Amino acid sequence: MHPQIKEVNLYSAVSTLSKPIADSTHQLSKIAFYVAEVITADGIKGQGYLLAFHYSPHAIEGALKDIKDFILSRDYAVNETVRLRQEWNAESEYFGQSGINANAGAVLNVAMWDAWARTCGQPIWRLLGTCKTKIPVYGSGGWISYSDEELLDEVLNYKRRGFGAVKIKVGSGDIERDLHRLQICRQALGTDVKIMMDANQAMSVSEAMELAERAKQIGIYWFEEPVHNLDFKGYALLRHKCGLALAMGEREYNVEALKRLLELNALDLWQPDLIRLGGVEGWRDSAALAQCYGLPVLPHYYRDYDVALLCTIVKPFGAESFDWIDGIIDTPLRIENGFAYPRTGNGWGFYFKESALNALN
């Protein structure tokens, strides 16, 4: 008999590192999260979280409260993640199965996986089957809003910590400024640290082509989201003409864009977002499709889940690293010499500190 979900709790939290930042398309006033917690009839607790910044708080809180009521009105065993996804998708169909409802469902999916693995007495990466026991990480940030001094301070800190690669935001609207920022990072880091660039879909194909061709001289490793995520022909043109590896995937709620890009041979790195894809099953489904075509997997943002999941697949390329939740969880991820090691505790191996959680009314 598998343990039933007895209780669902919802919280908000803010990073101890919270401050206003901006990329090419978003002004982000704070680094904030929502946390969902499930408790089984046996008293086992599982948690999942999503990165929310300041966006649509009433909408996402409403969706989380809706799925809480949905779960508690039915009889779910903690291992029934697929059943919940199917039934929540059916419930969400009227207003769409992507967007906020998908995010809410994914947070509960992640929490259920945590509780189920804890019930089994295993870390998730062991429960799913292990391929790797350490994963390369790159230091992410490089925000458009940074001064040159702030940018250099961040990338040099990553280098001091042993990171072998960093990512810089581009798409400022001024290619000369983008190139200047990349160049000063290259000068400061030397040639032993890889540099990637991320336009967050802000550029036209012609702008992206110009930046890519000029950035090649600086030694850029890959180019993330140069153009809109649905401009498949634009990705194909850039991949075959610009001479840089292309990465995308973080905006996708399913694998349709990946299928199209694979058909066009228009992508080098697949970047699944655990929460937008609906949770663990959606993430692994997309990784399996990418691997069928030899495409490496480089997930978006959720390092504290992604490292464990990457350890279970054949072609893990690496994980994006932010330290945003480290100050509000009990067990920060171990990162040494550019590699992250999956936690050895059961489930995801960490809980949010009670002092950091604010219960939703």
Protein backbone atom coordinates (compact mmCIF):
# COMPACT_ATOMS: atom_id res chain seq x y z
CA MET A 1 0.00 0.00 0.00
CA HIS A 2 1.50 3.32 -1.05
CA PRO A 3 1.13 6.26 1.34
CA GLN A 4 -1.65 8.72 0.57
CA ILE A 5 -1.27 12.48 0.47
CA LYS A 6 -2.86 13.79 3.63
CA GLU A 7 -1.84 17.46 3.60
CA VAL A 8 -0.71 20.10 1.11
CA ASN A 9 0.91 23.35 2.27
CA LEU A 10 1.85 26.38 0.17
CA TYR A 11 4.46 29.02 0.89
CA SER A 12 6.26 31.99 -0.60
CA ALA A 13 9.97 32.68 -0.08
CA VAL A 14 12.54 35.30 -1.09
CA SER A 15 16.24 34.68 -1.74
CA THR A 16 18.74 36.16 0.69
CA LEU A 17 20.52 37.36 -2.48
CA SER A 18 17.45 39.18 -3.79
CA LYS A 19 18.05 42.43 -5.64
CA PRO A 20 16.72 44.05 -8.85
CA ILE A 21 18.27 42.65 -12.03
CA ALA A 22 17.46 42.76 -15.75
CA ASP A 23 18.09 40.81 -18.92
CA SER A 24 17.28 41.91 -22.47
CA THR A 25 13.52 41.47 -22.07
CA HIS A 26 12.67 41.56 -18.34
CA GLN A 27 13.08 43.89 -15.39
CA LEU A 28 13.17 41.64 -12.31
CA SER A 29 12.45 43.43 -9.04
CA LYS A 30 13.19 40.53 -6.70
CA ILE A 31 14.28 36.89 -6.64
CA ALA A 32 11.25 35.14 -5.19
CA PHE A 33 9.79 31.64 -5.15
CA TYR A 34 6.74 29.57 -4.30
CA VAL A 35 7.12 26.31 -2.41
CA ALA A 36 4.60 23.45 -2.34
CA GLU A 37 4.77 20.82 0.37
CA VAL A 38 2.98 17.47 0.53
CA ILE A 39 2.75 15.38 3.68
CA THR A 40 1.79 11.72 3.54
CA ALA A 41 -0.40 9.79 5.95
CA ASP A 42 2.88 8.35 7.30
CA GLY A 43 4.17 11.86 8.05
CA ILE A 44 6.75 11.99 5.25
CA LYS A 45 7.24 15.46 3.79
CA GLY A 46 8.17 16.37 0.22
CA GLN A 47 8.77 19.82 -1.23
CA GLY A 48 8.99 21.43 -4.66
CA TYR A 49 9.53 25.04 -5.68
CA LEU A 50 9.23 27.36 -8.64
CA LEU A 51 11.05 30.56 -9.50
CA ALA A 52 8.42 33.30 -9.71
CA PHE A 53 10.26 36.65 -9.40
CA HIS A 54 7.50 39.27 -9.01
CA TYR A 55 5.24 38.09 -11.83
CA SER A 56 1.48 37.45 -11.58
CA PRO A 57 1.38 36.66 -7.85
CA HIS A 58 -2.41 36.49 -7.67
CA ALA A 59 -2.60 34.18 -10.67
CA ILE A 60 0.09 31.72 -9.60
CA GLU A 61 -1.09 31.70 -5.99
CA GLY A 62 -4.61 31.03 -7.24
CA ALA A 63 -3.42 28.16 -9.43
CA LEU A 64 -1.48 26.64 -6.54
CA LYS A 65 -4.50 26.90 -4.25
CA ASP A 66 -6.67 25.34 -6.98
CA ILE A 67 -4.42 22.30 -7.37
CA LYS A 68 -4.14 21.97 -3.58
CA ASP A 69 -7.93 21.71 -3.37
CA PHE A 70 -7.94 19.40 -6.39
CA ILE A 71 -5.50 16.97 -4.77
CA LEU A 72 -7.17 16.99 -1.37
CA SER A 73 -10.60 16.40 -2.92
CA ARG A 74 -9.36 13.13 -4.42
CA ASP A 75 -7.46 10.13 -3.13
CA TYR A 76 -3.88 10.39 -4.42
CA ALA A 77 -1.06 8.10 -3.39
CA VAL A 78 2.22 9.98 -3.24
CA ASN A 79 3.68 7.95 -6.12
CA GLU A 80 0.77 8.75 -8.49
CA THR A 81 2.55 11.60 -10.25
CA VAL A 82 1.45 10.49 -13.72
CA ARG A 83 -2.18 10.15 -12.65
CA LEU A 84 -2.11 13.65 -11.14
CA ARG A 85 -0.58 15.11 -14.29
CA GLN A 86 -3.21 13.51 -16.52
CA GLU A 87 -6.13 14.53 -14.34
CA TRP A 88 -4.83 18.06 -13.69
CA ASN A 89 -4.27 18.53 -17.43
CA ALA A 90 -7.87 17.52 -18.03
CA GLU A 91 -9.02 19.94 -15.33
CA SER A 92 -6.88 22.74 -16.82
CA GLU A 93 -7.91 22.22 -20.45
CA TYR A 94 -10.55 24.97 -20.56
CA PHE A 95 -8.00 27.72 -19.88
CA GLY A 96 -5.03 25.95 -21.47
CA GLN A 97 -2.59 23.25 -20.43
CA SER A 98 0.48 25.47 -20.59
CA GLY A 99 1.30 28.56 -18.59
CA ILE A 100 0.40 29.04 -14.96
CA ASN A 101 -1.60 25.84 -14.51
CA ALA A 102 1.29 23.78 -15.89
CA ASN A 103 3.68 25.49 -13.48
CA ALA A 104 1.40 24.78 -10.53
CA GLY A 105 1.06 21.12 -11.51
CA ALA A 106 4.82 20.79 -11.89
CA VAL A 107 5.59 22.13 -8.42
CA LEU A 108 3.31 19.49 -6.91
CA ASN A 109 4.88 16.85 -9.17
CA VAL A 110 8.34 17.73 -7.85
CA ALA A 111 7.09 17.67 -4.25
CA MET A 112 5.46 14.26 -4.76
CA TRP A 113 8.67 12.83 -6.22
CA ASP A 114 10.52 14.14 -3.16
CA ALA A 115 8.06 12.48 -0.77
CA TRP A 116 7.98 9.23 -2.78
CA ALA A 117 11.77 8.91 -2.87
CA ARG A 118 11.93 9.66 0.86
CA THR A 119 9.31 6.95 1.40
CA CYS A 120 11.57 4.56 -0.53
CA GLY A 121 14.60 5.70 1.47
CA GLN A 122 16.56 6.74 -1.65
CA PRO A 123 17.89 9.86 -3.36
CA ILE A 124 15.94 10.48 -6.56
CA TRP A 125 18.99 9.95 -8.77
CA ARG A 126 19.45 6.45 -7.36
CA LEU A 127 15.76 5.68 -7.55
CA LEU A 128 15.67 6.53 -11.28
CA GLY A 129 18.92 4.72 -12.16
CA THR A 130 22.35 6.30 -12.21
CA CYS A 131 24.55 7.11 -15.19
CA LYS A 132 26.81 9.82 -13.69
CA THR A 133 27.77 10.86 -10.18
CA LYS A 134 28.96 14.40 -10.94
CA ILE A 135 27.79 17.02 -13.43
CA PRO A 136 29.65 20.01 -14.94
CA VAL A 137 28.14 23.37 -13.98
CA TYR A 138 28.52 26.83 -15.43
CA GLY A 139 28.14 30.13 -13.62
CA SER A 140 25.07 32.02 -14.82
CA GLY A 141 24.16 35.69 -14.55
CA GLY A 142 25.94 38.44 -16.44
CA TRP A 143 22.82 40.59 -16.27
CA ILE A 144 22.30 43.46 -18.70
CA SER A 145 21.67 45.74 -15.73
CA TYR A 146 25.18 45.17 -14.34
CA SER A 147 27.87 47.80 -14.55
CA ASP A 148 31.16 46.61 -16.00
CA GLU A 149 32.52 46.37 -12.45
CA GLU A 150 29.59 44.24 -11.25
CA LEU A 151 29.90 41.99 -14.28
CA LEU A 152 33.62 41.40 -13.78
CA ASP A 153 33.16 40.84 -10.05
CA GLU A 154 30.62 38.09 -10.76
CA VAL A 155 32.56 36.23 -13.44
CA LEU A 156 35.85 36.42 -11.54
CA ASN A 157 34.10 35.07 -8.45
CA TYR A 158 32.92 32.10 -10.50
CA LYS A 159 36.47 31.54 -11.70
CA ARG A 160 37.84 31.69 -8.14
CA ARG A 161 35.29 29.03 -7.16
CA GLY A 162 36.60 26.70 -9.86
CA PHE A 163 33.91 27.14 -12.51
CA GLY A 164 35.15 26.43 -16.01
CA ALA A 165 32.44 28.37 -17.83
CA VAL A 166 30.23 31.45 -17.39
CA LYS A 167 27.24 32.88 -19.22
CA ILE A 168 26.74 36.56 -20.11
CA LYS A 169 23.50 38.30 -21.10
CA VAL A 170 23.43 40.03 -24.50
CA GLY A 171 20.65 41.64 -26.53
CA SER A 172 20.97 45.04 -24.89
CA GLY A 173 19.89 46.78 -28.10
CA ASP A 174 23.47 47.91 -28.72
CA ILE A 175 25.71 45.28 -30.31
CA GLU A 176 28.80 47.31 -29.52
CA ARG A 177 27.90 47.25 -25.82
CA ASP A 178 27.23 43.50 -25.97
CA LEU A 179 30.61 42.92 -27.57
CA HIS A 180 32.34 45.20 -25.06
CA ARG A 181 30.90 43.21 -22.15
CA LEU A 182 31.97 39.92 -23.70
CA GLN A 183 35.44 41.28 -24.46
CA ILE A 184 36.16 42.56 -20.95
CA CYS A 185 35.06 39.22 -19.54
CA ARG A 186 37.40 37.39 -21.91
CA GLN A 187 40.29 39.67 -20.94
CA ALA A 188 39.60 39.16 -17.23
CA LEU A 189 39.03 35.39 -17.40
CA GLY A 190 41.75 34.45 -19.86
CA THR A 191 41.37 31.54 -22.24
CA ASP A 192 40.84 28.77 -19.69
CA VAL A 193 37.22 29.73 -18.87
CA LYS A 194 34.52 29.23 -21.49
CA ILE A 195 32.12 32.12 -22.17
CA MET A 196 28.55 31.67 -23.42
CA MET A 197 26.03 34.34 -24.35
CA ASP A 198 22.25 34.52 -23.91
CA ALA A 199 19.96 36.96 -25.76
CA ASN A 200 16.68 35.84 -24.13
CA GLN A 201 15.00 35.94 -27.59
CA ALA A 202 15.57 39.70 -27.90
CA MET A 203 17.30 39.82 -31.30
CA SER A 204 16.30 39.62 -34.93
CA VAL A 205 17.98 37.01 -37.09
CA SER A 206 20.16 39.65 -38.76
CA GLU A 207 21.20 41.15 -35.41
CA ALA A 208 21.95 37.71 -33.99
CA MET A 209 23.98 36.83 -37.08
CA GLU A 210 26.08 39.99 -36.77
CA LEU A 211 26.69 39.49 -33.06
CA ALA A 212 27.57 35.82 -33.54
CA GLU A 213 30.02 36.49 -36.35
CA ARG A 214 31.80 39.18 -34.37
CA ALA A 215 31.64 37.32 -31.04
CA LYS A 216 33.40 34.31 -32.63
CA GLN A 217 36.60 36.34 -32.51
CA ILE A 218 36.25 36.51 -28.71
CA GLY A 219 35.83 32.74 -28.48
CA ILE A 220 32.17 32.29 -27.51
CA TYR A 221 31.24 28.70 -26.68
CA TRP A 222 27.52 28.78 -27.50
CA PHE A 223 24.65 31.20 -28.13
CA GLU A 224 21.40 30.78 -26.16
CA GLU A 225 17.97 31.94 -27.37
CA PRO A 226 19.25 34.35 -30.02
CA VAL A 227 15.76 34.84 -31.50
CA HIS A 228 12.12 34.08 -30.66
CA ASN A 229 11.58 30.49 -29.57
CA LEU A 230 9.07 29.84 -32.40
CA ASP A 231 11.30 31.20 -35.18
CA PHE A 232 12.41 27.73 -36.24
CA LYS A 233 13.67 28.82 -39.66
CA GLY A 234 15.65 31.57 -37.97
CA TYR A 235 17.35 29.00 -35.76
CA ALA A 236 18.09 26.84 -38.79
CA LEU A 237 19.63 29.76 -40.68
CA LEU A 238 21.72 30.84 -37.72
CA ARG A 239 22.96 27.35 -36.97
CA HIS A 240 24.12 26.79 -40.52
CA LYS A 241 25.57 30.26 -41.06
CA CYS A 242 26.78 31.84 -37.80
CA GLY A 243 29.33 29.21 -36.78
CA LEU A 244 28.26 29.04 -33.12
CA ALA A 245 26.44 26.24 -31.32
CA LEU A 246 22.83 27.18 -30.53
CA ALA A 247 20.90 26.41 -27.33
CA MET A 248 17.22 26.81 -26.45
CA GLY A 249 14.29 25.12 -24.71
CA GLU A 250 13.57 27.00 -21.50
CA ARG A 251 10.30 28.53 -22.80
CA GLU A 252 8.73 25.23 -23.87
CA TYR A 253 5.79 23.50 -22.19
CA ASN A 254 6.05 20.41 -24.41
CA VAL A 255 8.41 18.87 -26.98
CA GLU A 256 6.81 20.30 -30.14
CA ALA A 257 9.47 22.98 -30.63
CA LEU A 258 12.20 20.41 -30.05
CA LYS A 259 10.66 18.14 -32.68
CA ARG A 260 10.58 20.97 -35.21
CA LEU A 261 14.15 22.06 -34.50
CA LEU A 262 15.36 18.48 -34.80
CA GLU A 263 13.64 18.16 -38.18
CA LEU A 264 15.47 21.28 -39.35
CA ASN A 265 18.80 20.28 -37.78
CA ALA A 266 18.63 23.68 -36.11
CA LEU A 267 19.82 23.07 -32.54
CA ASP A 268 22.96 21.96 -30.69
CA LEU A 269 21.87 21.93 -27.03
CA TRP A 270 18.44 21.23 -25.52
CA GLN A 271 17.56 23.27 -22.41
CA PRO A 272 14.51 21.74 -20.68
CA ASP A 273 12.83 23.72 -17.91
CA LEU A 274 11.64 21.25 -15.25
CA ILE A 275 8.69 23.34 -14.13
CA ARG A 276 7.41 24.50 -17.53
CA LEU A 277 7.57 20.93 -18.84
CA GLY A 278 5.30 19.73 -16.05
CA GLY A 279 7.79 18.05 -13.73
CA VAL A 280 10.03 15.01 -13.69
CA GLU A 281 8.25 12.95 -16.37
CA GLY A 282 8.06 15.84 -18.83
CA TRP A 283 11.72 16.71 -18.28
CA ARG A 284 12.80 13.08 -18.82
CA ASP A 285 10.56 12.65 -21.87
CA SER A 286 12.18 15.66 -23.52
CA ALA A 287 15.68 14.47 -22.59
CA ALA A 288 14.94 11.06 -24.08
CA LEU A 289 13.82 12.65 -27.36
CA ALA A 290 16.92 14.85 -27.46
CA GLN A 291 19.15 11.86 -26.82
CA CYS A 292 17.55 9.90 -29.67
CA TYR A 293 19.08 12.53 -31.96
CA GLY A 294 22.38 12.80 -30.10
CA LEU A 295 21.50 16.21 -28.70
CA PRO A 296 23.10 16.96 -25.31
CA VAL A 297 20.88 18.13 -22.45
CA LEU A 298 21.65 21.40 -20.65
CA PRO A 299 18.68 22.32 -18.43
CA HIS A 300 17.39 25.76 -17.57
CA TYR A 301 17.81 27.20 -14.07
CA TYR A 302 16.66 24.45 -11.62
CA ARG A 303 20.13 23.25 -10.66
CA ASP A 304 19.05 21.76 -7.33
CA TYR A 305 16.77 19.34 -9.17
CA ASP A 306 18.58 19.18 -12.52
CA VAL A 307 21.86 17.81 -11.19
CA ALA A 308 20.07 14.77 -9.77
CA LEU A 309 18.09 14.27 -13.00
CA LEU A 310 21.14 14.74 -15.22
CA CYS A 311 22.84 11.93 -13.32
CA THR A 312 20.14 9.57 -14.70
CA ILE A 313 20.53 10.25 -18.45
CA VAL A 314 23.09 9.30 -21.08
CA LYS A 315 24.10 12.70 -22.55
CA PRO A 316 24.14 15.26 -19.74
CA PHE A 317 26.00 18.35 -20.96
CA GLY A 318 25.88 20.30 -17.71
CA ALA A 319 23.76 22.39 -15.36
CA GLU A 320 23.15 26.11 -15.02
CA SER A 321 24.24 27.36 -11.61
CA PHE A 322 22.65 30.08 -9.52
CA ASP A 323 23.14 30.32 -5.76
CA TRP A 324 19.73 31.90 -5.18
CA ILE A 325 18.21 29.31 -2.83
CA ASP A 326 21.39 28.39 -0.96
CA GLY A 327 20.72 30.78 1.91
CA ILE A 328 17.17 29.51 2.53
CA ILE A 329 17.64 25.71 2.35
CA ASP A 330 19.17 23.33 4.86
CA THR A 331 21.61 21.53 2.52
CA PRO A 332 23.23 23.58 -0.27
CA LEU A 333 24.51 21.62 -3.25
CA ARG A 334 28.16 20.57 -3.18
CA ILE A 335 30.09 22.22 -6.04
CA GLU A 336 33.84 21.71 -6.43
CA ASN A 337 36.19 22.48 -9.32
CA GLY A 338 33.38 23.11 -11.78
CA PHE A 339 31.33 20.00 -10.92
CA ALA A 340 28.16 19.55 -8.88
CA TYR A 341 27.57 16.37 -6.93
CA PRO A 342 24.05 15.06 -6.32
CA ARG A 343 22.95 15.15 -2.70
CA THR A 344 23.13 11.84 -0.87
CA GLY A 345 20.07 12.50 1.30
CA ASN A 346 16.76 10.90 0.39
CA GLY A 347 14.46 12.56 -2.15
CA TRP A 348 15.93 15.75 -3.53
CA GLY A 349 18.10 15.88 -0.41
CA PHE A 350 17.08 19.28 0.93
CA TYR A 351 14.25 21.17 2.60
CA PHE A 352 13.57 24.87 2.76
CA LYS A 353 14.27 26.39 6.17
CA GLU A 354 11.07 27.02 8.10
CA SER A 355 12.27 30.54 8.88
CA ALA A 356 12.33 31.34 5.14
CA LEU A 357 8.77 30.20 4.39
CA ASN A 358 5.71 32.43 4.52
CA ALA A 359 2.44 30.50 4.46
CA LEU A 360 -0.09 31.48 1.78
CA ASN A 361 -3.50 32.36 3.16
